[in-house]
Amino acid sequence: MIQYDRFVLGNGLRVLVHTDKSSPMVAVNLLYDVGSRNEVPEKTGFAHLFEHLMFGGSANAPSFDQPIQLAGGDNNAFTNTDITNFYCTIPSENLETILWLEADRMQNLVLDEQALDIQRKVVVEEFYETSINQPYGDVWHLLSALAYKNHPYRWPTIGIDPSHIEHANIEDVSAFYKRYYGPNNAVLTLSGNIDTAKAKKLAEKWFGSIEPRDRPEFIPPLEDHQIEIRRERHHRNVPANALYMAFHMCPRTHPDYPAIDLLSDVLANGKSSFLYQRLLKKQRICHSIDAYISGTKDAGLFIVEARPAKGITLETLEARIWEELEGVSRIPISESILEKIKNKVENTMEFSGVSIQGKAMHLAYYEWLGDPDLINTEIELYTAVSVEDIQRVAKEVLVRENCSVLEYVSVASAADRLEELSPAAS
């Protein structure tokens, strides 16, 4: 059981504290409720851009990383569709260093042409490196746009096109900063060698005077219910063909989420999973296969991806995957299989929360979801899932009219196939 205290500053900053005197360190996590979900189609990639801008310096701290390193700390950040998360582990006696830095960039981030130009170039270069020049790099661009037609999840975190960041101006980024990077849109968690009384004093000292932001409630466009299978085929210069099948599923806080999560593990978590055993090991029609969920705040995606073995077409591979998915919907899995998967999940959850950094990050995430006590109780939601629940969600989610299929075809494979079929080849 992870004990924690929670309080809220007058400006709306939510603070959670977990004390662990066995550690000489304190983990600090600052989560902002902003991701690519909060962007508009004409200006995407801004949340990711700001992850970089937030390290560019603030009014009283021209460098962010250097003071942390001098204080013996280590820090990093990530952005996804829903949140932007900054985290740091630092010796407890130097805790105020990171609190000062986080507070200063929350209210005094340097946003000028020079800072923007530097980070703009970094982010655009990253876009080309990860999404254009890397094999399979544009899969999430293609699959997101195929599965979503209205919701901002229809573009990936890095954005739709690098031109959106290339053309971002000071007015654009200043407006984004003023709307989302304030105390009333953030969760601060402290875990480690810190008690609640001291945490309250320090939180008030460094963050208490920061004015809350005027942030109107953001309600993204609703996604229309998908009523027929969607399909796209794209040719790319990649080593091998690949198949992606995306199914709409419930939001992260929905009661069915644990069952769908476990269903993905039944299908593809480890070498004993259904898809691995039947399609890769026994039938050898693919050389890789996986199933996973996006786990997003709003309705997400259940994804099956696979790469066929040599000589196997994408059509054949897809047909066999459908047989397995429909089999799980039709025939209940055994209690022993479900129990094995639950044990794996429980071990993963426990291991991920062992470190003070893991506890700080989990507390912030669960607070953002709306219930920080999930850090202690979510495992109970998983253990309560029954065989009948698995079969029910499979029947609801893994159906053809709920599926978007992306066929990712290797240019070389397509050329070889045409050569095989041509009269000259015979």
Protein backbone atom coordinates (compact mmCIF):
# COMPACT_ATOMS: atom_id res chain seq x y z
CA MET A 1 0.00 0.00 0.00
CA ILE A 2 1.49 3.34 -1.06
CA GLN A 3 0.67 6.06 1.46
CA TYR A 4 0.36 9.62 0.19
CA ASP A 5 -1.03 13.01 1.15
CA ARG A 6 -2.79 15.38 -1.19
CA PHE A 7 -3.42 19.13 -1.04
CA VAL A 8 -4.30 21.90 -3.47
CA LEU A 9 -2.76 25.37 -3.56
CA GLY A 10 -4.93 28.45 -3.89
CA ASN A 11 -3.99 28.77 -7.57
CA GLY A 12 -5.24 25.27 -8.36
CA LEU A 13 -1.96 23.35 -8.37
CA ARG A 14 -2.61 19.82 -7.11
CA VAL A 15 0.22 18.40 -4.99
CA LEU A 16 0.70 14.80 -3.85
CA VAL A 17 3.42 13.64 -1.46
CA HIS A 18 4.73 10.16 -0.73
CA THR A 19 7.33 9.90 2.03
CA ASP A 20 10.10 7.30 1.82
CA LYS A 21 12.86 8.03 4.31
CA SER A 22 14.87 5.02 3.15
CA SER A 23 15.97 7.01 0.12
CA PRO A 24 18.34 9.99 0.19
CA MET A 25 16.65 11.29 -2.96
CA VAL A 26 13.39 12.95 -3.91
CA ALA A 27 11.59 12.32 -7.17
CA VAL A 28 9.73 15.33 -8.53
CA ASN A 29 7.11 14.93 -11.24
CA LEU A 30 5.22 17.78 -12.88
CA LEU A 31 2.42 16.73 -15.21
CA TYR A 32 0.62 19.21 -17.46
CA ASP A 33 -2.80 18.35 -18.82
CA VAL A 34 -1.84 19.06 -22.44
CA GLY A 35 -0.94 16.84 -25.37
CA SER A 36 -1.60 16.66 -29.08
CA ARG A 37 -5.25 16.09 -28.13
CA ASN A 38 -5.41 19.83 -27.30
CA GLU A 39 -4.21 21.03 -30.70
CA VAL A 40 -6.13 22.17 -33.77
CA PRO A 41 -5.67 20.57 -37.21
CA GLU A 42 -3.97 23.66 -38.67
CA LYS A 43 -1.37 23.87 -35.87
CA THR A 44 -0.21 20.44 -34.75
CA GLY A 45 2.93 19.34 -32.93
CA PHE A 46 2.76 22.25 -30.46
CA ALA A 47 2.66 20.13 -27.29
CA HIS A 48 5.77 18.29 -28.45
CA LEU A 49 7.42 21.59 -29.41
CA PHE A 50 6.77 22.88 -25.89
CA GLU A 51 8.41 19.86 -24.33
CA HIS A 52 11.57 21.18 -26.00
CA LEU A 53 10.90 24.87 -25.35
CA MET A 54 10.50 24.22 -21.62
CA PHE A 55 14.19 23.25 -21.49
CA GLY A 56 15.30 26.39 -23.30
CA GLY A 57 15.59 28.59 -20.25
CA SER A 58 13.44 30.96 -18.19
CA ALA A 59 13.79 34.50 -16.90
CA ASN A 60 15.85 33.58 -13.84
CA ALA A 61 17.46 30.38 -15.15
CA PRO A 62 19.02 30.69 -18.62
CA SER A 63 19.92 26.99 -18.45
CA PHE A 64 17.62 24.32 -17.08
CA ASP A 65 19.79 21.21 -17.17
CA GLN A 66 23.02 22.67 -15.79
CA PRO A 67 21.72 23.64 -12.31
CA ILE A 68 20.12 20.20 -11.93
CA GLN A 69 23.33 18.43 -12.89
CA LEU A 70 25.34 20.59 -10.48
CA ALA A 71 22.84 19.67 -7.76
CA GLY A 72 23.32 15.96 -8.44
CA GLY A 73 19.99 15.53 -10.18
CA ASP A 74 18.81 13.82 -13.33
CA ASN A 75 15.79 14.90 -15.38
CA ASN A 76 13.82 14.20 -18.53
CA ALA A 77 10.36 14.59 -20.07
CA PHE A 78 7.88 13.07 -22.50
CA THR A 79 4.79 14.15 -24.41
CA ASN A 80 1.96 12.01 -25.75
CA THR A 81 -1.54 12.53 -27.08
CA ASP A 82 -2.90 13.50 -23.65
CA ILE A 83 -0.20 14.85 -21.33
CA THR A 84 3.23 16.45 -21.08
CA ASN A 85 5.29 15.10 -18.18
CA PHE A 86 8.51 16.44 -16.65
CA TYR A 87 10.37 14.37 -14.07
CA CYS A 88 13.53 14.63 -12.01
CA THR A 89 15.34 12.75 -9.24
CA ILE A 90 17.55 14.85 -6.99
CA PRO A 91 19.23 14.62 -3.54
CA SER A 92 16.72 15.75 -0.92
CA GLU A 93 18.97 18.55 0.34
CA ASN A 94 18.89 20.09 -3.16
CA LEU A 95 15.14 19.70 -3.71
CA GLU A 96 14.57 23.44 -3.92
CA THR A 97 16.76 23.64 -7.01
CA ILE A 98 14.27 21.72 -9.14
CA LEU A 99 11.24 23.38 -7.54
CA TRP A 100 12.72 26.81 -8.32
CA LEU A 101 13.42 25.78 -11.91
CA GLU A 102 9.98 24.25 -12.47
CA ALA A 103 8.22 27.27 -10.95
CA ASP A 104 10.27 29.71 -13.01
CA ARG A 105 9.55 28.05 -16.32
CA MET A 106 5.88 27.72 -15.38
CA GLN A 107 5.55 31.50 -15.18
CA ASN A 108 8.64 32.99 -16.86
CA LEU A 109 9.54 30.79 -19.83
CA VAL A 110 11.70 32.62 -22.36
CA LEU A 111 9.70 32.79 -25.57
CA ASP A 112 11.58 34.93 -28.07
CA GLU A 113 12.55 34.49 -31.71
CA GLN A 114 15.94 33.03 -30.87
CA ALA A 115 14.59 30.41 -28.45
CA LEU A 116 11.79 29.48 -30.82
CA ASP A 117 14.10 29.24 -33.83
CA ILE A 118 16.48 26.89 -32.01
CA GLN A 119 13.77 24.50 -30.84
CA ARG A 120 11.82 24.76 -34.08
CA LYS A 121 14.85 23.41 -35.97
CA VAL A 122 15.36 20.61 -33.43
CA VAL A 123 11.73 19.47 -33.63
CA VAL A 124 11.54 19.65 -37.42
CA GLU A 125 14.74 17.61 -37.67
CA GLU A 126 13.23 15.07 -35.29
CA PHE A 127 10.11 14.90 -37.47
CA TYR A 128 12.18 14.05 -40.54
CA GLU A 129 14.36 11.60 -38.64
CA THR A 130 11.55 9.62 -36.99
CA SER A 131 8.59 10.01 -39.36
CA ILE A 132 9.97 10.49 -42.87
CA ASN A 133 13.45 9.03 -43.14
CA GLN A 134 12.92 6.06 -40.81
CA PRO A 135 11.36 2.84 -42.19
CA TYR A 136 7.72 2.53 -41.09
CA GLY A 137 8.04 6.00 -39.53
CA ASP A 138 4.77 7.31 -40.93
CA VAL A 139 2.64 4.36 -39.78
CA TRP A 140 1.01 6.34 -36.97
CA HIS A 141 0.27 9.22 -39.33
CA LEU A 142 -1.50 6.86 -41.71
CA LEU A 143 -3.22 4.65 -39.14
CA SER A 144 -4.42 7.52 -36.93
CA ALA A 145 -5.92 9.37 -39.90
CA LEU A 146 -7.61 6.18 -41.08
CA ALA A 147 -9.13 5.27 -37.70
CA TYR A 148 -10.13 8.78 -36.57
CA LYS A 149 -12.04 11.27 -38.68
CA ASN A 150 -13.03 13.96 -36.14
CA HIS A 151 -11.03 13.59 -32.92
CA PRO A 152 -7.53 15.14 -32.52
CA TYR A 153 -6.17 11.63 -32.10
CA ARG A 154 -6.23 11.56 -35.90
CA TRP A 155 -2.69 12.94 -35.87
CA PRO A 156 0.31 11.67 -33.86
CA THR A 157 2.04 13.63 -31.11
CA ILE A 158 4.76 14.88 -33.42
CA GLY A 159 2.13 16.52 -35.64
CA ILE A 160 0.62 16.16 -39.09
CA ASP A 161 3.31 17.95 -41.07
CA PRO A 162 6.63 19.62 -40.20
CA SER A 163 5.42 22.83 -41.83
CA HIS A 164 3.13 23.42 -38.84
CA ILE A 165 6.18 23.86 -36.62
CA GLU A 166 8.24 25.59 -39.31
CA HIS A 167 5.56 28.28 -39.57
CA ALA A 168 4.85 28.58 -35.83
CA ASN A 169 5.30 32.17 -34.66
CA ILE A 170 5.74 33.84 -31.29
CA GLU A 171 2.05 34.71 -31.08
CA ASP A 172 1.08 31.06 -31.67
CA VAL A 173 3.41 29.60 -29.06
CA SER A 174 2.74 32.36 -26.50
CA ALA A 175 -1.00 31.71 -26.70
CA PHE A 176 -0.44 27.96 -26.27
CA TYR A 177 1.84 28.55 -23.27
CA LYS A 178 -0.54 30.95 -21.55
CA ARG A 179 -3.43 28.55 -21.94
CA TYR A 180 -1.91 25.28 -20.77
CA TYR A 181 1.27 25.74 -18.71
CA GLY A 182 -0.19 27.11 -15.51
CA PRO A 183 -0.67 25.78 -11.98
CA ASN A 184 -4.37 25.08 -12.43
CA ASN A 185 -3.53 22.76 -15.33
CA ALA A 186 -0.81 20.79 -13.56
CA VAL A 187 -0.13 18.07 -10.98
CA LEU A 188 3.02 18.16 -8.86
CA THR A 189 4.12 14.99 -7.06
CA LEU A 190 7.02 14.46 -4.66
CA SER A 191 8.22 11.01 -3.63
CA GLY A 192 11.13 10.08 -1.40
CA ASN A 193 12.95 11.75 1.47
CA ILE A 194 10.39 14.51 2.03
CA ASP A 195 7.52 14.87 4.51
CA THR A 196 4.18 16.52 3.85
CA ALA A 197 4.73 19.52 6.13
CA LYS A 198 7.93 20.47 4.34
CA ALA A 199 6.38 19.75 0.95
CA LYS A 200 3.51 22.15 1.70
CA LYS A 201 5.94 24.85 2.75
CA LEU A 202 8.10 24.47 -0.35
CA ALA A 203 5.18 24.15 -2.76
CA GLU A 204 3.66 27.34 -1.38
CA LYS A 205 7.03 29.12 -1.46
CA TRP A 206 7.82 28.36 -5.09
CA PHE A 207 4.43 27.90 -6.75
CA GLY A 208 1.91 29.66 -4.50
CA SER A 209 2.31 33.11 -6.03
CA ILE A 210 1.90 31.95 -9.65
CA GLU A 211 -1.37 33.20 -11.09
CA PRO A 212 -3.77 30.58 -12.47
CA ARG A 213 -4.31 30.61 -16.21
CA ASP A 214 -7.54 31.41 -17.98
CA ARG A 215 -8.16 27.99 -19.43
CA PRO A 216 -11.59 27.32 -20.94
CA GLU A 217 -12.66 23.69 -20.74
CA PHE A 218 -11.49 21.76 -23.77
CA ILE A 219 -13.97 19.30 -25.24
CA PRO A 220 -12.64 17.55 -28.37
CA PRO A 221 -14.93 16.72 -31.29
CA LEU A 222 -16.76 13.43 -30.86
CA GLU A 223 -15.81 10.57 -33.13
CA ASP A 224 -18.65 9.14 -35.21
CA HIS A 225 -19.40 5.48 -34.64
CA GLN A 226 -17.63 3.41 -37.28
CA ILE A 227 -20.07 1.18 -39.16
CA GLU A 228 -17.91 -0.46 -41.83
CA ILE A 229 -14.37 -1.68 -42.27
CA ARG A 230 -11.89 0.89 -43.56
CA ARG A 231 -8.88 -0.06 -45.64
CA GLU A 232 -5.87 1.68 -47.14
CA ARG A 233 -2.78 0.37 -48.91
CA HIS A 234 0.46 2.36 -49.03
CA HIS A 235 3.70 1.49 -50.80
CA ARG A 236 6.96 2.43 -49.11
CA ASN A 237 10.66 1.70 -49.44
CA VAL A 238 10.83 -0.62 -46.42
CA PRO A 239 12.40 -4.06 -45.88
CA ALA A 240 9.15 -6.02 -45.62
CA ASN A 241 5.38 -5.80 -45.83
CA ALA A 242 3.44 -5.01 -42.66
CA LEU A 243 -0.20 -5.19 -41.60
CA TYR A 244 -1.92 -2.97 -39.03
CA MET A 245 -5.48 -3.53 -37.79
CA ALA A 246 -6.92 -0.85 -35.49
CA PHE A 247 -10.17 -1.30 -33.55
CA HIS A 248 -11.95 1.45 -31.60
CA MET A 249 -12.11 0.77 -27.87
CA CYS A 250 -13.22 2.48 -24.66
CA PRO A 251 -11.51 5.41 -22.86
CA ARG A 252 -8.85 4.86 -20.19
CA THR A 253 -11.25 5.27 -17.26
CA HIS A 254 -14.03 3.05 -18.63
CA PRO A 255 -14.90 -0.05 -16.53
CA ASP A 256 -14.08 -2.31 -19.50
CA TYR A 257 -10.54 -0.98 -19.87
CA PRO A 258 -8.85 -3.69 -17.71
CA ALA A 259 -10.64 -6.46 -19.62
CA ILE A 260 -9.56 -5.07 -23.00
CA ASP A 261 -6.03 -4.60 -21.74
CA LEU A 262 -5.94 -8.23 -20.59
CA LEU A 263 -7.42 -9.33 -23.93
CA SER A 264 -4.46 -7.76 -25.74
CA ASP A 265 -2.13 -9.72 -23.44
CA VAL A 266 -4.01 -12.97 -24.06
CA LEU A 267 -3.50 -12.45 -27.77
CA ALA A 268 0.10 -11.31 -27.90
CA ASN A 269 1.93 -10.96 -24.57
CA GLY A 270 4.85 -13.36 -24.72
CA LYS A 271 5.67 -16.59 -26.49
CA SER A 272 2.75 -18.46 -24.93
CA SER A 273 0.16 -16.02 -26.27
CA PHE A 274 -2.48 -17.08 -28.79
CA LEU A 275 -1.25 -15.18 -31.86
CA TYR A 276 2.41 -16.02 -31.28
CA GLN A 277 1.77 -19.73 -30.73
CA ARG A 278 -0.62 -20.25 -33.60
CA LEU A 279 0.51 -17.89 -36.35
CA LEU A 280 4.22 -17.55 -35.74
CA LYS A 281 5.37 -20.76 -34.04
CA LYS A 282 3.01 -23.37 -35.50
CA GLN A 283 1.84 -22.05 -38.86
CA ARG A 284 4.90 -19.85 -39.49
CA ILE A 285 2.94 -17.38 -41.58
CA CYS A 286 4.45 -14.33 -39.89
CA HIS A 287 7.83 -13.46 -38.46
CA SER A 288 6.44 -10.95 -35.95
CA ILE A 289 3.05 -10.24 -34.43
CA ASP A 290 1.81 -8.06 -31.59
CA ALA A 291 -1.37 -6.67 -30.04
CA TYR A 292 -1.55 -3.63 -27.78
CA ILE A 293 -3.80 -0.74 -26.79
CA SER A 294 -3.28 3.02 -26.94
CA GLY A 295 -4.64 3.65 -23.43
CA THR A 296 -5.76 7.19 -24.23
CA LYS A 297 -7.95 9.50 -22.14
CA ASP A 298 -10.70 9.46 -24.76
CA ALA A 299 -11.79 6.41 -26.75
CA GLY A 300 -8.62 4.69 -27.93
CA LEU A 301 -7.43 1.96 -30.25
CA PHE A 302 -6.80 -1.77 -29.92
CA ILE A 303 -4.09 -2.57 -32.47
CA VAL A 304 -2.87 -5.79 -34.01
CA GLU A 305 0.27 -5.52 -36.12
CA ALA A 306 2.15 -8.22 -37.96
CA ARG A 307 4.74 -8.80 -40.66
CA PRO A 308 4.22 -11.83 -42.90
CA ALA A 309 6.77 -14.57 -43.41
CA LYS A 310 8.43 -14.83 -46.80
CA GLY A 311 5.98 -15.99 -49.45
CA ILE A 312 2.90 -15.10 -47.39
CA THR A 313 0.67 -12.34 -48.70
CA LEU A 314 -0.89 -9.66 -46.54
CA GLU A 315 -4.30 -11.02 -47.56
CA THR A 316 -3.47 -14.48 -46.26
CA LEU A 317 -2.03 -13.10 -43.04
CA GLU A 318 -5.07 -10.90 -42.42
CA ALA A 319 -7.47 -13.79 -43.05
CA ARG A 320 -5.66 -15.94 -40.48
CA ILE A 321 -5.62 -13.13 -37.92
CA TRP A 322 -9.38 -12.73 -38.34
CA GLU A 323 -9.84 -16.44 -37.66
CA GLU A 324 -7.95 -16.12 -34.38
CA LEU A 325 -9.76 -12.95 -33.31
CA GLU A 326 -13.15 -14.46 -34.07
CA GLY A 327 -12.10 -17.61 -32.23
CA VAL A 328 -11.43 -15.66 -29.04
CA SER A 329 -14.86 -14.05 -29.40
CA ARG A 330 -16.55 -17.41 -29.94
CA ILE A 331 -14.71 -19.74 -27.54
CA PRO A 332 -13.95 -18.66 -23.95
CA ILE A 333 -10.33 -18.82 -22.86
CA SER A 334 -9.47 -21.05 -19.92
CA GLU A 335 -9.32 -19.84 -16.34
CA SER A 336 -5.67 -20.93 -16.14
CA ILE A 337 -4.67 -18.79 -19.12
CA LEU A 338 -6.40 -15.74 -17.68
CA GLU A 339 -4.81 -16.30 -14.28
CA LYS A 340 -1.37 -16.52 -15.86
CA ILE A 341 -1.90 -13.22 -17.68
CA LYS A 342 -3.19 -11.54 -14.52
CA ASN A 343 -0.07 -12.62 -12.63
CA LYS A 344 2.13 -11.08 -15.33
CA VAL A 345 0.20 -7.81 -15.16
CA GLU A 346 0.37 -7.72 -11.38
CA ASN A 347 4.13 -8.26 -11.43
CA THR A 348 4.56 -5.52 -14.02
CA MET A 349 2.49 -3.06 -12.01
CA GLU A 350 4.35 -3.80 -8.81
CA PHE A 351 7.76 -3.55 -10.44
CA SER A 352 6.95 -0.26 -12.20
CA GLY A 353 6.07 1.32 -8.86
CA VAL A 354 9.09 0.20 -6.87
CA SER A 355 11.29 3.27 -7.41
CA ILE A 356 10.51 6.68 -5.96
CA GLN A 357 10.42 8.03 -9.50
CA GLY A 358 7.88 5.38 -10.48
CA LYS A 359 5.71 6.27 -7.51
CA ALA A 360 5.87 10.00 -8.26
CA MET A 361 5.00 9.43 -11.91
CA HIS A 362 2.16 7.02 -11.12
CA LEU A 363 0.65 9.33 -8.50
CA ALA A 364 0.65 12.23 -10.96
CA TYR A 365 -0.90 10.09 -13.70
CA TYR A 366 -3.66 8.67 -11.51
CA GLU A 367 -4.44 12.11 -10.10
CA TRP A 368 -4.75 13.35 -13.68
CA LEU A 369 -7.13 10.45 -14.40
CA GLY A 370 -9.24 11.61 -11.46
CA ASP A 371 -8.44 9.09 -8.72
CA PRO A 372 -4.92 8.96 -7.23
CA ASP A 373 -5.89 5.96 -5.10
CA LEU A 374 -5.79 3.88 -8.28
CA ILE A 375 -2.10 3.54 -7.49
CA ASN A 376 -3.23 1.07 -4.83
CA THR A 377 -6.52 -0.24 -6.21
CA GLU A 378 -6.18 -0.58 -9.97
CA ILE A 379 -4.75 -4.07 -9.67
CA GLU A 380 -8.03 -5.09 -8.03
CA LEU A 381 -9.87 -4.02 -11.18
CA TYR A 382 -7.67 -6.38 -13.19
CA THR A 383 -8.00 -9.33 -10.82
CA ALA A 384 -11.78 -8.94 -10.94
CA VAL A 385 -11.89 -9.52 -14.72
CA SER A 386 -13.53 -12.84 -15.61
CA VAL A 387 -13.29 -15.17 -18.58
CA GLU A 388 -16.78 -13.98 -19.53
CA ASP A 389 -15.57 -10.36 -19.51
CA ILE A 390 -12.74 -11.21 -21.90
CA GLN A 391 -15.11 -12.92 -24.31
CA ARG A 392 -17.66 -10.11 -24.08
CA VAL A 393 -15.22 -7.30 -24.89
CA ALA A 394 -13.72 -9.39 -27.70
CA LYS A 395 -17.18 -9.71 -29.25
CA GLU A 396 -17.77 -5.97 -28.91
CA VAL A 397 -14.40 -4.68 -30.08
CA LEU A 398 -12.81 -7.20 -32.46
CA VAL A 399 -15.39 -6.98 -35.24
CA ARG A 400 -14.90 -6.10 -38.89
CA GLU A 401 -17.11 -3.01 -38.98
CA ASN A 402 -15.03 -1.58 -36.12
CA CYS A 403 -11.70 -2.17 -37.87
CA SER A 404 -9.36 0.05 -39.88
CA VAL A 405 -6.80 -1.95 -41.89
CA LEU A 406 -3.54 -0.42 -43.05
CA GLU A 407 -1.60 -2.49 -45.58
CA TYR A 408 1.99 -1.27 -45.62
CA VAL A 409 3.60 -2.69 -48.74
CA SER A 410 7.30 -2.91 -49.41
CA VAL A 411 8.13 -1.49 -52.84
CA ALA A 412 10.67 -4.28 -53.33
CA SER A 413 8.14 -6.95 -52.34
CA ALA A 414 5.54 -5.50 -54.69
CA ALA A 415 8.06 -5.50 -57.56
CA ASP A 416 9.02 -9.12 -56.86
CA ARG A 417 5.35 -10.12 -56.85
CA LEU A 418 4.72 -8.42 -60.21
CA GLU A 419 7.73 -10.17 -61.68
CA GLU A 420 6.39 -13.53 -60.49
CA LEU A 421 3.01 -12.87 -62.10
CA SER A 422 4.28 -11.49 -65.41
CA PRO A 423 4.17 -13.68 -68.56
CA ALA A 424 7.92 -13.26 -69.04
CA ALA A 425 8.52 -14.85 -65.64
CA SER A 426 6.70 -18.00 -66.71
